[in-house]
Amino acid sequence: MSGTEHTPAAPPLENIATALRRERDRAGLTLTELAKRAGIAKSTLSQLESGTGNPSVETLWALGVALGVPFSHLVDPPTPQVRVIRAGQVPVVRSERSNYAAALLSSGHSGARRDLYVLELEPGGARHADAHIPGSVEHIVVTAGRLRVGPADNPVELDVGDYVSFSGDVPHRYEALAPTTKAVLVMEHL
């Protein structure tokens, strides 16, 4: 990377709006029913489907679980044959409850049910994640800092280069133990 700083892209609101409408129609749900299943306000869902608002990681995960689709189906645009994502230019979705940000690099297509993320975390509070769709498995490699991660009742501490995998379909947590903690997350959807 050159000496120029890059500002992370905002959440891909147009992709999210299109995907939410597509997946809600596929599931045959009304706005009211989907909002109720996801535990969010109908007005929030309406804003997201119209391409406005500022969705958090928690809101998008809740919608994905309610729709029975991976998070990536809600944020990832169609992929060209060769795709290059420059550092600092990937769309980032931030948590509203902790200092946690996820940037989707790649999602599973044509039966390759996996998504690839870069995570950025700072100390000062854990991100508590609800269970994802049944059969989800998370694979994490720490690339900078230290991380406490795993099932809510049994997290483990990882250093740079350490790897862990665990069921993502149970409540789990991510907590930075050092400044500028980064990790790569591969989410499998079995």
N, C-alpha and C. Protein backbone atom coordinates (compact mmCIF):
# COMPACT_ATOMS: atom_id res chain seq x y z
N MET A 1 0.84 -1.17 0.00
CA MET A 1 0.00 0.00 0.00
C MET A 1 0.88 1.23 0.00
N SER A 2 0.48 2.25 -0.69
CA SER A 2 1.25 3.49 -0.71
C SER A 2 1.04 4.22 0.60
N GLY A 3 1.68 5.36 0.76
CA GLY A 3 1.54 6.13 1.98
C GLY A 3 0.20 6.81 2.10
N THR A 4 -0.68 6.66 1.13
CA THR A 4 -1.98 7.29 1.15
C THR A 4 -2.94 6.49 2.01
N GLU A 5 -3.66 7.17 2.88
CA GLU A 5 -4.67 6.51 3.71
C GLU A 5 -5.92 6.27 2.89
N HIS A 6 -6.56 5.12 3.11
CA HIS A 6 -7.83 4.81 2.46
C HIS A 6 -8.93 4.85 3.49
N THR A 7 -10.07 5.41 3.13
CA THR A 7 -11.24 5.41 3.98
C THR A 7 -12.09 4.22 3.60
N PRO A 8 -12.42 3.34 4.57
CA PRO A 8 -13.25 2.19 4.23
C PRO A 8 -14.57 2.63 3.61
N ALA A 9 -15.02 1.88 2.65
CA ALA A 9 -16.29 2.18 1.99
C ALA A 9 -17.43 2.00 2.98
N ALA A 10 -18.51 2.71 2.75
CA ALA A 10 -19.70 2.59 3.58
C ALA A 10 -20.41 1.27 3.28
N PRO A 11 -21.31 0.82 4.17
CA PRO A 11 -22.06 -0.39 3.86
C PRO A 11 -22.74 -0.25 2.50
N PRO A 12 -22.81 -1.34 1.74
CA PRO A 12 -23.36 -1.30 0.38
C PRO A 12 -24.89 -1.24 0.41
N LEU A 13 -25.44 -0.06 0.68
CA LEU A 13 -26.88 0.10 0.91
C LEU A 13 -27.73 -0.38 -0.26
N GLU A 14 -27.32 -0.11 -1.49
CA GLU A 14 -28.10 -0.53 -2.65
C GLU A 14 -28.14 -2.06 -2.75
N ASN A 15 -26.99 -2.71 -2.52
CA ASN A 15 -26.95 -4.18 -2.54
C ASN A 15 -27.83 -4.75 -1.44
N ILE A 16 -27.76 -4.15 -0.25
CA ILE A 16 -28.56 -4.62 0.88
C ILE A 16 -30.05 -4.48 0.57
N ALA A 17 -30.45 -3.33 0.03
CA ALA A 17 -31.86 -3.10 -0.29
C ALA A 17 -32.37 -4.13 -1.30
N THR A 18 -31.62 -4.34 -2.37
CA THR A 18 -32.02 -5.31 -3.40
C THR A 18 -32.09 -6.72 -2.83
N ALA A 19 -31.08 -7.10 -2.06
CA ALA A 19 -31.04 -8.45 -1.49
C ALA A 19 -32.18 -8.67 -0.49
N LEU A 20 -32.47 -7.69 0.35
CA LEU A 20 -33.56 -7.85 1.31
C LEU A 20 -34.90 -8.04 0.61
N ARG A 21 -35.17 -7.24 -0.40
CA ARG A 21 -36.42 -7.39 -1.14
C ARG A 21 -36.48 -8.77 -1.81
N ARG A 22 -35.37 -9.18 -2.44
CA ARG A 22 -35.30 -10.47 -3.14
C ARG A 22 -35.54 -11.62 -2.16
N GLU A 23 -34.84 -11.61 -1.03
CA GLU A 23 -34.94 -12.72 -0.08
C GLU A 23 -36.28 -12.72 0.66
N ARG A 24 -36.82 -11.55 0.93
CA ARG A 24 -38.14 -11.48 1.58
C ARG A 24 -39.22 -12.01 0.64
N ASP A 25 -39.13 -11.63 -0.65
CA ASP A 25 -40.08 -12.15 -1.64
C ASP A 25 -39.93 -13.67 -1.79
N ARG A 26 -38.69 -14.15 -1.83
CA ARG A 26 -38.44 -15.58 -1.96
C ARG A 26 -39.07 -16.35 -0.79
N ALA A 27 -38.97 -15.77 0.42
CA ALA A 27 -39.51 -16.41 1.61
C ALA A 27 -41.01 -16.20 1.76
N GLY A 28 -41.59 -15.30 0.94
CA GLY A 28 -43.03 -15.04 1.01
C GLY A 28 -43.45 -14.33 2.29
N LEU A 29 -42.59 -13.43 2.78
CA LEU A 29 -42.87 -12.73 4.03
C LEU A 29 -43.25 -11.28 3.78
N THR A 30 -44.14 -10.75 4.60
CA THR A 30 -44.44 -9.33 4.56
C THR A 30 -43.36 -8.58 5.33
N LEU A 31 -43.32 -7.27 5.16
CA LEU A 31 -42.40 -6.44 5.95
C LEU A 31 -42.62 -6.67 7.44
N THR A 32 -43.89 -6.67 7.84
CA THR A 32 -44.24 -6.84 9.25
C THR A 32 -43.74 -8.17 9.79
N GLU A 33 -43.97 -9.26 9.05
CA GLU A 33 -43.57 -10.59 9.52
C GLU A 33 -42.05 -10.71 9.62
N LEU A 34 -41.32 -10.22 8.60
CA LEU A 34 -39.86 -10.31 8.64
C LEU A 34 -39.31 -9.48 9.79
N ALA A 35 -39.82 -8.27 9.96
CA ALA A 35 -39.36 -7.41 11.06
C ALA A 35 -39.58 -8.10 12.41
N LYS A 36 -40.74 -8.72 12.57
CA LYS A 36 -41.06 -9.42 13.82
C LYS A 36 -40.09 -10.59 14.03
N ARG A 37 -39.86 -11.40 13.00
CA ARG A 37 -38.96 -12.56 13.13
C ARG A 37 -37.53 -12.13 13.45
N ALA A 38 -37.11 -10.99 12.89
CA ALA A 38 -35.74 -10.50 13.10
C ALA A 38 -35.61 -9.69 14.39
N GLY A 39 -36.74 -9.31 14.99
CA GLY A 39 -36.69 -8.52 16.22
C GLY A 39 -36.26 -7.08 15.98
N ILE A 40 -36.65 -6.55 14.82
CA ILE A 40 -36.33 -5.14 14.51
C ILE A 40 -37.62 -4.40 14.20
N ALA A 41 -37.55 -3.09 14.20
CA ALA A 41 -38.73 -2.28 13.87
C ALA A 41 -39.06 -2.38 12.39
N LYS A 42 -40.35 -2.40 12.09
CA LYS A 42 -40.79 -2.44 10.69
C LYS A 42 -40.26 -1.23 9.93
N SER A 43 -40.20 -0.08 10.59
CA SER A 43 -39.70 1.14 9.93
C SER A 43 -38.23 0.99 9.57
N THR A 44 -37.45 0.30 10.41
CA THR A 44 -36.03 0.06 10.11
C THR A 44 -35.91 -0.80 8.87
N LEU A 45 -36.69 -1.88 8.81
CA LEU A 45 -36.67 -2.77 7.64
C LEU A 45 -37.10 -2.02 6.39
N SER A 46 -38.13 -1.20 6.49
CA SER A 46 -38.60 -0.42 5.35
C SER A 46 -37.51 0.52 4.83
N GLN A 47 -36.79 1.17 5.77
CA GLN A 47 -35.70 2.05 5.36
C GLN A 47 -34.59 1.27 4.67
N LEU A 48 -34.26 0.10 5.19
CA LEU A 48 -33.20 -0.71 4.57
C LEU A 48 -33.60 -1.17 3.17
N GLU A 49 -34.87 -1.56 3.00
CA GLU A 49 -35.33 -2.00 1.68
C GLU A 49 -35.40 -0.84 0.69
N SER A 50 -35.48 0.39 1.20
CA SER A 50 -35.49 1.54 0.29
C SER A 50 -34.09 2.11 0.07
N GLY A 51 -33.09 1.48 0.68
CA GLY A 51 -31.70 1.90 0.46
C GLY A 51 -31.24 3.04 1.35
N THR A 52 -31.98 3.30 2.42
CA THR A 52 -31.58 4.33 3.37
C THR A 52 -31.29 3.68 4.71
N GLY A 53 -30.90 4.45 5.68
CA GLY A 53 -30.58 3.90 6.99
C GLY A 53 -29.11 3.53 7.07
N ASN A 54 -28.70 3.06 8.22
CA ASN A 54 -27.32 2.67 8.44
C ASN A 54 -27.32 1.35 9.20
N PRO A 55 -27.41 0.22 8.49
CA PRO A 55 -27.57 -1.06 9.17
C PRO A 55 -26.32 -1.47 9.95
N SER A 56 -26.54 -2.04 11.12
CA SER A 56 -25.44 -2.57 11.92
C SER A 56 -25.23 -4.04 11.58
N VAL A 57 -24.12 -4.57 12.02
CA VAL A 57 -23.84 -6.00 11.85
C VAL A 57 -24.97 -6.81 12.50
N GLU A 58 -25.38 -6.40 13.71
CA GLU A 58 -26.41 -7.15 14.43
C GLU A 58 -27.73 -7.18 13.66
N THR A 59 -28.13 -6.05 13.08
CA THR A 59 -29.37 -6.00 12.32
C THR A 59 -29.30 -6.91 11.10
N LEU A 60 -28.19 -6.86 10.37
CA LEU A 60 -28.07 -7.69 9.17
C LEU A 60 -27.99 -9.18 9.52
N TRP A 61 -27.29 -9.54 10.60
CA TRP A 61 -27.26 -10.95 11.02
C TRP A 61 -28.66 -11.40 11.40
N ALA A 62 -29.39 -10.59 12.15
CA ALA A 62 -30.75 -10.96 12.57
C ALA A 62 -31.65 -11.16 11.35
N LEU A 63 -31.52 -10.30 10.36
CA LEU A 63 -32.32 -10.45 9.13
C LEU A 63 -31.92 -11.71 8.37
N GLY A 64 -30.61 -11.99 8.30
CA GLY A 64 -30.16 -13.20 7.63
C GLY A 64 -30.71 -14.45 8.30
N VAL A 65 -30.66 -14.49 9.65
CA VAL A 65 -31.19 -15.64 10.38
C VAL A 65 -32.69 -15.77 10.14
N ALA A 66 -33.41 -14.65 10.20
CA ALA A 66 -34.86 -14.68 10.00
C ALA A 66 -35.22 -15.14 8.58
N LEU A 67 -34.37 -14.83 7.61
CA LEU A 67 -34.62 -15.23 6.22
C LEU A 67 -34.01 -16.59 5.89
N GLY A 68 -33.18 -17.12 6.80
CA GLY A 68 -32.54 -18.41 6.55
C GLY A 68 -31.45 -18.34 5.50
N VAL A 69 -30.75 -17.18 5.43
CA VAL A 69 -29.67 -17.01 4.46
C VAL A 69 -28.43 -16.48 5.17
N PRO A 70 -27.24 -16.74 4.63
CA PRO A 70 -26.03 -16.19 5.21
C PRO A 70 -26.00 -14.66 5.11
N PHE A 71 -25.29 -14.04 6.02
CA PHE A 71 -25.07 -12.59 6.04
C PHE A 71 -24.64 -12.09 4.66
N SER A 72 -23.75 -12.85 4.01
CA SER A 72 -23.19 -12.43 2.72
C SER A 72 -24.25 -12.25 1.65
N HIS A 73 -25.34 -13.01 1.72
CA HIS A 73 -26.40 -12.87 0.72
C HIS A 73 -27.06 -11.50 0.78
N LEU A 74 -26.89 -10.81 1.91
CA LEU A 74 -27.51 -9.50 2.08
C LEU A 74 -26.59 -8.34 1.72
N VAL A 75 -25.27 -8.57 1.66
CA VAL A 75 -24.36 -7.44 1.44
C VAL A 75 -23.47 -7.57 0.21
N ASP A 76 -23.31 -8.76 -0.34
CA ASP A 76 -22.33 -8.97 -1.39
C ASP A 76 -22.91 -8.70 -2.78
N PRO A 77 -22.26 -7.86 -3.59
CA PRO A 77 -22.73 -7.61 -4.96
C PRO A 77 -22.35 -8.80 -5.85
N PRO A 78 -22.93 -8.88 -7.06
CA PRO A 78 -22.52 -9.92 -8.00
C PRO A 78 -21.01 -9.83 -8.25
N THR A 79 -20.36 -10.98 -8.38
CA THR A 79 -18.90 -11.04 -8.49
C THR A 79 -18.45 -11.16 -9.95
N PRO A 80 -17.56 -10.27 -10.40
CA PRO A 80 -17.00 -10.41 -11.74
C PRO A 80 -16.00 -11.57 -11.77
N GLN A 81 -15.53 -11.97 -12.96
CA GLN A 81 -14.60 -13.09 -13.11
C GLN A 81 -13.32 -12.88 -12.32
N VAL A 82 -12.71 -11.72 -12.41
CA VAL A 82 -11.51 -11.40 -11.63
C VAL A 82 -11.89 -10.26 -10.71
N ARG A 83 -11.68 -10.48 -9.43
CA ARG A 83 -12.09 -9.48 -8.46
C ARG A 83 -10.90 -9.12 -7.59
N VAL A 84 -10.54 -7.84 -7.56
CA VAL A 84 -9.46 -7.35 -6.71
C VAL A 84 -10.08 -6.37 -5.73
N ILE A 85 -9.76 -6.57 -4.47
CA ILE A 85 -10.22 -5.65 -3.43
C ILE A 85 -8.98 -5.08 -2.77
N ARG A 86 -8.77 -3.80 -2.91
CA ARG A 86 -7.62 -3.12 -2.32
C ARG A 86 -7.84 -2.90 -0.83
N ALA A 87 -6.77 -3.00 -0.08
CA ALA A 87 -6.84 -2.77 1.36
C ALA A 87 -7.46 -1.42 1.64
N GLY A 88 -8.40 -1.38 2.55
CA GLY A 88 -9.05 -0.13 2.94
C GLY A 88 -10.17 0.30 2.02
N GLN A 89 -10.46 -0.46 0.97
CA GLN A 89 -11.52 -0.05 0.05
C GLN A 89 -12.68 -1.04 0.00
N VAL A 90 -12.74 -1.93 0.95
CA VAL A 90 -13.83 -2.89 1.01
C VAL A 90 -14.96 -2.33 1.87
N PRO A 91 -16.21 -2.58 1.49
CA PRO A 91 -17.32 -2.11 2.33
C PRO A 91 -17.23 -2.71 3.73
N VAL A 92 -17.40 -1.88 4.73
CA VAL A 92 -17.29 -2.29 6.13
C VAL A 92 -18.63 -2.06 6.81
N VAL A 93 -19.04 -3.06 7.60
CA VAL A 93 -20.24 -2.92 8.42
C VAL A 93 -19.79 -2.98 9.87
N ARG A 94 -20.17 -1.97 10.65
CA ARG A 94 -19.72 -1.86 12.03
C ARG A 94 -20.80 -2.29 13.01
N SER A 95 -20.36 -2.75 14.15
CA SER A 95 -21.25 -3.11 15.24
C SER A 95 -21.74 -1.84 15.93
N GLU A 96 -22.95 -1.89 16.43
CA GLU A 96 -23.43 -0.75 17.22
C GLU A 96 -23.21 -0.98 18.71
N ARG A 97 -22.77 -2.20 19.09
CA ARG A 97 -22.61 -2.54 20.50
C ARG A 97 -21.16 -2.69 20.94
N SER A 98 -20.22 -2.79 20.01
CA SER A 98 -18.81 -2.97 20.38
C SER A 98 -17.93 -2.42 19.27
N ASN A 99 -16.63 -2.33 19.55
CA ASN A 99 -15.68 -1.81 18.57
C ASN A 99 -15.25 -2.95 17.66
N TYR A 100 -16.15 -3.33 16.74
CA TYR A 100 -16.01 -4.49 15.86
C TYR A 100 -16.47 -4.08 14.48
N ALA A 101 -15.71 -4.45 13.46
CA ALA A 101 -16.11 -4.16 12.08
C ALA A 101 -15.81 -5.39 11.23
N ALA A 102 -16.72 -5.70 10.30
CA ALA A 102 -16.54 -6.85 9.41
C ALA A 102 -16.58 -6.36 7.97
N ALA A 103 -15.63 -6.83 7.19
CA ALA A 103 -15.56 -6.49 5.77
C ALA A 103 -15.63 -7.79 4.98
N LEU A 104 -16.72 -7.98 4.25
CA LEU A 104 -16.91 -9.18 3.45
C LEU A 104 -16.03 -9.11 2.21
N LEU A 105 -15.11 -10.07 2.08
CA LEU A 105 -14.23 -10.13 0.91
C LEU A 105 -14.79 -11.02 -0.18
N SER A 106 -15.43 -12.12 0.21
CA SER A 106 -15.92 -13.08 -0.77
C SER A 106 -17.02 -13.91 -0.14
N SER A 107 -18.01 -14.26 -0.93
CA SER A 107 -19.08 -15.12 -0.43
C SER A 107 -19.18 -16.35 -1.31
N GLY A 108 -19.72 -17.40 -0.74
CA GLY A 108 -19.88 -18.65 -1.46
C GLY A 108 -20.92 -18.53 -2.56
N HIS A 109 -20.60 -19.03 -3.72
CA HIS A 109 -21.52 -19.04 -4.86
C HIS A 109 -21.57 -20.45 -5.43
N SER A 110 -22.61 -20.78 -6.12
CA SER A 110 -22.75 -22.05 -6.83
C SER A 110 -22.42 -23.24 -5.93
N GLY A 111 -23.00 -23.27 -4.75
CA GLY A 111 -22.82 -24.41 -3.86
C GLY A 111 -21.58 -24.34 -2.99
N ALA A 112 -20.70 -23.37 -3.16
CA ALA A 112 -19.50 -23.23 -2.33
C ALA A 112 -19.89 -22.43 -1.10
N ARG A 113 -20.63 -23.01 -0.22
CA ARG A 113 -21.27 -22.30 0.89
C ARG A 113 -20.27 -21.84 1.94
N ARG A 114 -19.53 -20.77 1.61
CA ARG A 114 -18.59 -20.17 2.53
C ARG A 114 -18.46 -18.69 2.22
N ASP A 115 -18.16 -17.93 3.26
CA ASP A 115 -17.94 -16.49 3.12
C ASP A 115 -16.61 -16.17 3.77
N LEU A 116 -15.91 -15.16 3.25
CA LEU A 116 -14.59 -14.76 3.74
C LEU A 116 -14.66 -13.31 4.19
N TYR A 117 -14.23 -13.04 5.44
CA TYR A 117 -14.27 -11.71 6.02
C TYR A 117 -12.91 -11.32 6.59
N VAL A 118 -12.67 -10.02 6.68
CA VAL A 118 -11.58 -9.47 7.47
C VAL A 118 -12.24 -8.75 8.64
N LEU A 119 -11.79 -9.05 9.85
CA LEU A 119 -12.34 -8.44 11.05
C LEU A 119 -11.34 -7.46 11.65
N GLU A 120 -11.84 -6.36 12.17
CA GLU A 120 -11.03 -5.38 12.88
C GLU A 120 -11.69 -5.14 14.22
N LEU A 121 -10.91 -5.27 15.30
CA LEU A 121 -11.46 -5.13 16.64
C LEU A 121 -10.52 -4.30 17.50
N GLU A 122 -11.09 -3.61 18.47
CA GLU A 122 -10.31 -2.85 19.45
C GLU A 122 -10.76 -3.27 20.84
N PRO A 123 -9.86 -3.21 21.82
CA PRO A 123 -10.25 -3.54 23.20
C PRO A 123 -11.33 -2.58 23.69
N GLY A 124 -12.04 -3.02 24.71
CA GLY A 124 -13.04 -2.13 25.29
C GLY A 124 -14.43 -2.71 25.29
N GLY A 125 -14.57 -3.97 25.10
CA GLY A 125 -15.89 -4.60 25.12
C GLY A 125 -15.98 -5.69 24.08
N ALA A 126 -16.64 -6.75 24.44
CA ALA A 126 -16.80 -7.88 23.53
C ALA A 126 -17.99 -7.66 22.61
N ARG A 127 -17.92 -8.25 21.42
CA ARG A 127 -19.07 -8.32 20.52
C ARG A 127 -19.73 -9.66 20.78
N HIS A 128 -20.97 -9.63 21.22
CA HIS A 128 -21.73 -10.84 21.47
C HIS A 128 -22.60 -11.09 20.25
N ALA A 129 -22.40 -12.23 19.61
CA ALA A 129 -23.12 -12.56 18.39
C ALA A 129 -24.18 -13.62 18.67
N ASP A 130 -25.35 -13.41 18.11
CA ASP A 130 -26.40 -14.41 18.20
C ASP A 130 -26.05 -15.58 17.29
N ALA A 131 -26.74 -16.68 17.47
CA ALA A 131 -26.54 -17.86 16.62
C ALA A 131 -26.87 -17.52 15.17
N HIS A 132 -26.05 -18.05 14.25
CA HIS A 132 -26.31 -17.88 12.82
C HIS A 132 -27.18 -19.04 12.34
N ILE A 133 -27.38 -19.15 11.04
CA ILE A 133 -28.25 -20.20 10.52
C ILE A 133 -27.69 -21.58 10.90
N PRO A 134 -28.56 -22.58 11.09
CA PRO A 134 -28.12 -23.92 11.51
C PRO A 134 -27.03 -24.47 10.58
N GLY A 135 -26.04 -25.12 11.19
CA GLY A 135 -24.96 -25.72 10.43
C GLY A 135 -23.80 -24.79 10.15
N SER A 136 -23.85 -23.54 10.63
CA SER A 136 -22.76 -22.60 10.40
C SER A 136 -21.54 -22.99 11.23
N VAL A 137 -20.36 -22.88 10.63
CA VAL A 137 -19.09 -23.12 11.32
C VAL A 137 -18.19 -21.94 11.03
N GLU A 138 -17.55 -21.40 12.07
CA GLU A 138 -16.63 -20.28 11.90
C GLU A 138 -15.20 -20.77 12.02
N HIS A 139 -14.34 -20.29 11.11
CA HIS A 139 -12.90 -20.57 11.12
C HIS A 139 -12.21 -19.23 11.22
N ILE A 140 -11.33 -19.04 12.21
CA ILE A 140 -10.69 -17.74 12.44
C ILE A 140 -9.19 -17.92 12.58
N VAL A 141 -8.44 -17.04 11.89
CA VAL A 141 -6.99 -16.94 12.03
C VAL A 141 -6.68 -15.50 12.41
N VAL A 142 -5.94 -15.31 13.51
CA VAL A 142 -5.57 -13.96 13.95
C VAL A 142 -4.36 -13.50 13.14
N THR A 143 -4.45 -12.28 12.57
CA THR A 143 -3.36 -11.74 11.77
C THR A 143 -2.64 -10.59 12.46
N ALA A 144 -3.23 -10.01 13.51
CA ALA A 144 -2.59 -8.94 14.29
C ALA A 144 -3.27 -8.88 15.66
N GLY A 145 -2.49 -8.61 16.71
CA GLY A 145 -3.04 -8.45 18.05
C GLY A 145 -3.31 -9.77 18.74
N ARG A 146 -4.29 -9.73 19.65
CA ARG A 146 -4.74 -10.92 20.40
C ARG A 146 -6.25 -10.89 20.43
N LEU A 147 -6.85 -12.08 20.44
CA LEU A 147 -8.31 -12.19 20.34
C LEU A 147 -8.83 -13.27 21.27
N ARG A 148 -9.93 -12.96 21.97
CA ARG A 148 -10.69 -13.98 22.71
C ARG A 148 -11.95 -14.20 21.89
N VAL A 149 -12.18 -15.46 21.46
CA VAL A 149 -13.27 -15.74 20.54
C VAL A 149 -13.79 -17.16 20.74
N GLY A 150 -15.03 -17.36 20.39
CA GLY A 150 -15.60 -18.70 20.43
C GLY A 150 -16.99 -18.69 21.03
N PRO A 151 -17.50 -19.91 21.32
CA PRO A 151 -18.83 -19.99 21.94
C PRO A 151 -18.87 -19.15 23.21
N ALA A 152 -20.02 -18.53 23.47
CA ALA A 152 -20.15 -17.62 24.61
C ALA A 152 -19.73 -18.27 25.92
N ASP A 153 -19.97 -19.56 26.06
CA ASP A 153 -19.64 -20.24 27.31
C ASP A 153 -18.25 -20.88 27.32
N ASN A 154 -17.49 -20.75 26.21
CA ASN A 154 -16.18 -21.39 26.16
C ASN A 154 -15.24 -20.71 25.15
N PRO A 155 -15.03 -19.37 25.27
CA PRO A 155 -14.13 -18.71 24.32
C PRO A 155 -12.67 -19.10 24.60
N VAL A 156 -11.83 -18.94 23.58
CA VAL A 156 -10.40 -19.23 23.72
C VAL A 156 -9.62 -17.97 23.36
N GLU A 157 -8.37 -17.88 23.86
CA GLU A 157 -7.50 -16.75 23.55
C GLU A 157 -6.55 -17.16 22.44
N LEU A 158 -6.41 -16.28 21.44
CA LEU A 158 -5.56 -16.55 20.29
C LEU A 158 -4.53 -15.45 20.11
N ASP A 159 -3.32 -15.84 19.69
CA ASP A 159 -2.26 -14.91 19.31
C ASP A 159 -2.16 -14.90 17.78
N VAL A 160 -1.30 -14.03 17.25
CA VAL A 160 -1.06 -13.95 15.81
C VAL A 160 -0.69 -15.32 15.26
N GLY A 161 -1.36 -15.72 14.20
CA GLY A 161 -1.12 -17.00 13.55
C GLY A 161 -1.94 -18.14 14.09
N ASP A 162 -2.59 -17.97 15.27
CA ASP A 162 -3.41 -19.03 15.83
C ASP A 162 -4.71 -19.16 15.05
N TYR A 163 -5.24 -20.38 15.04
CA TYR A 163 -6.48 -20.72 14.32
C TYR A 163 -7.44 -21.39 15.28
N VAL A 164 -8.73 -21.13 15.12
CA VAL A 164 -9.78 -21.82 15.86
C VAL A 164 -10.98 -22.02 14.94
N SER A 165 -11.73 -23.08 15.16
CA SER A 165 -13.01 -23.25 14.50
C SER A 165 -14.03 -23.63 15.55
N PHE A 166 -15.28 -23.20 15.34
CA PHE A 166 -16.35 -23.50 16.29
C PHE A 166 -17.69 -23.35 15.60
N SER A 167 -18.71 -23.93 16.20
CA SER A 167 -20.07 -23.83 15.66
C SER A 167 -20.54 -22.38 15.76
N GLY A 168 -20.97 -21.84 14.62
CA GLY A 168 -21.50 -20.48 14.60
C GLY A 168 -22.99 -20.44 14.83
N ASP A 169 -23.61 -21.61 15.00
CA ASP A 169 -25.06 -21.64 15.20
C ASP A 169 -25.43 -21.70 16.68
N VAL A 170 -24.49 -21.22 17.52
CA VAL A 170 -24.74 -21.01 18.95
C VAL A 170 -24.27 -19.59 19.27
N PRO A 171 -24.76 -18.98 20.34
CA PRO A 171 -24.27 -17.65 20.70
C PRO A 171 -22.74 -17.69 20.90
N HIS A 172 -22.06 -16.65 20.40
CA HIS A 172 -20.60 -16.61 20.49
C HIS A 172 -20.14 -15.18 20.65
N ARG A 173 -18.82 -15.02 20.85
CA ARG A 173 -18.29 -13.68 21.15
C ARG A 173 -16.95 -13.47 20.48
N TYR A 174 -16.60 -12.19 20.30
CA TYR A 174 -15.31 -11.75 19.79
C TYR A 174 -14.86 -10.63 20.71
N GLU A 175 -13.62 -10.70 21.21
CA GLU A 175 -13.12 -9.64 22.09
C GLU A 175 -11.64 -9.41 21.83
N ALA A 176 -11.30 -8.20 21.44
CA ALA A 176 -9.89 -7.83 21.23
C ALA A 176 -9.21 -7.72 22.58
N LEU A 177 -8.02 -8.32 22.67
CA LEU A 177 -7.23 -8.24 23.89
C LEU A 177 -6.02 -7.33 23.70
N ALA A 178 -5.85 -6.80 22.49
CA ALA A 178 -4.75 -5.89 22.18
C ALA A 178 -5.25 -4.89 21.14
N PRO A 179 -4.68 -3.68 21.13
CA PRO A 179 -5.07 -2.70 20.12
C PRO A 179 -4.81 -3.23 18.70
N THR A 180 -5.63 -2.74 17.78
CA THR A 180 -5.50 -3.05 16.35
C THR A 180 -5.48 -4.55 16.08
N THR A 181 -6.39 -5.27 16.72
CA THR A 181 -6.52 -6.70 16.48
C THR A 181 -7.24 -6.92 15.16
N LYS A 182 -6.70 -7.84 14.37
CA LYS A 182 -7.29 -8.19 13.08
C LYS A 182 -7.30 -9.70 12.92
N ALA A 183 -8.30 -10.19 12.19
CA ALA A 183 -8.42 -11.63 11.96
C ALA A 183 -9.11 -11.87 10.64
N VAL A 184 -8.88 -13.04 10.09
CA VAL A 184 -9.60 -13.51 8.91
C VAL A 184 -10.61 -14.53 9.38
N LEU A 185 -11.84 -14.36 8.94
CA LEU A 185 -12.94 -15.26 9.30
C LEU A 185 -13.47 -15.92 8.03
N VAL A 186 -13.50 -17.25 8.04
CA VAL A 186 -14.18 -18.01 6.99
C VAL A 186 -15.42 -18.60 7.64
N MET A 187 -16.59 -18.26 7.11
CA MET A 187 -17.85 -18.76 7.63
C MET A 187 -18.37 -19.82 6.66
N GLU A 188 -18.51 -21.04 7.16
CA GLU A 188 -19.07 -22.12 6.36
C GLU A 188 -20.55 -22.25 6.70
N HIS A 189 -21.33 -22.52 5.68
CA HIS A 189 -22.76 -22.76 5.87
C HIS A 189 -23.02 -24.16 5.36
N LEU A 190 -23.09 -25.13 6.27
CA LEU A 190 -23.23 -26.53 5.89
C LEU A 190 -24.64 -26.89 5.48
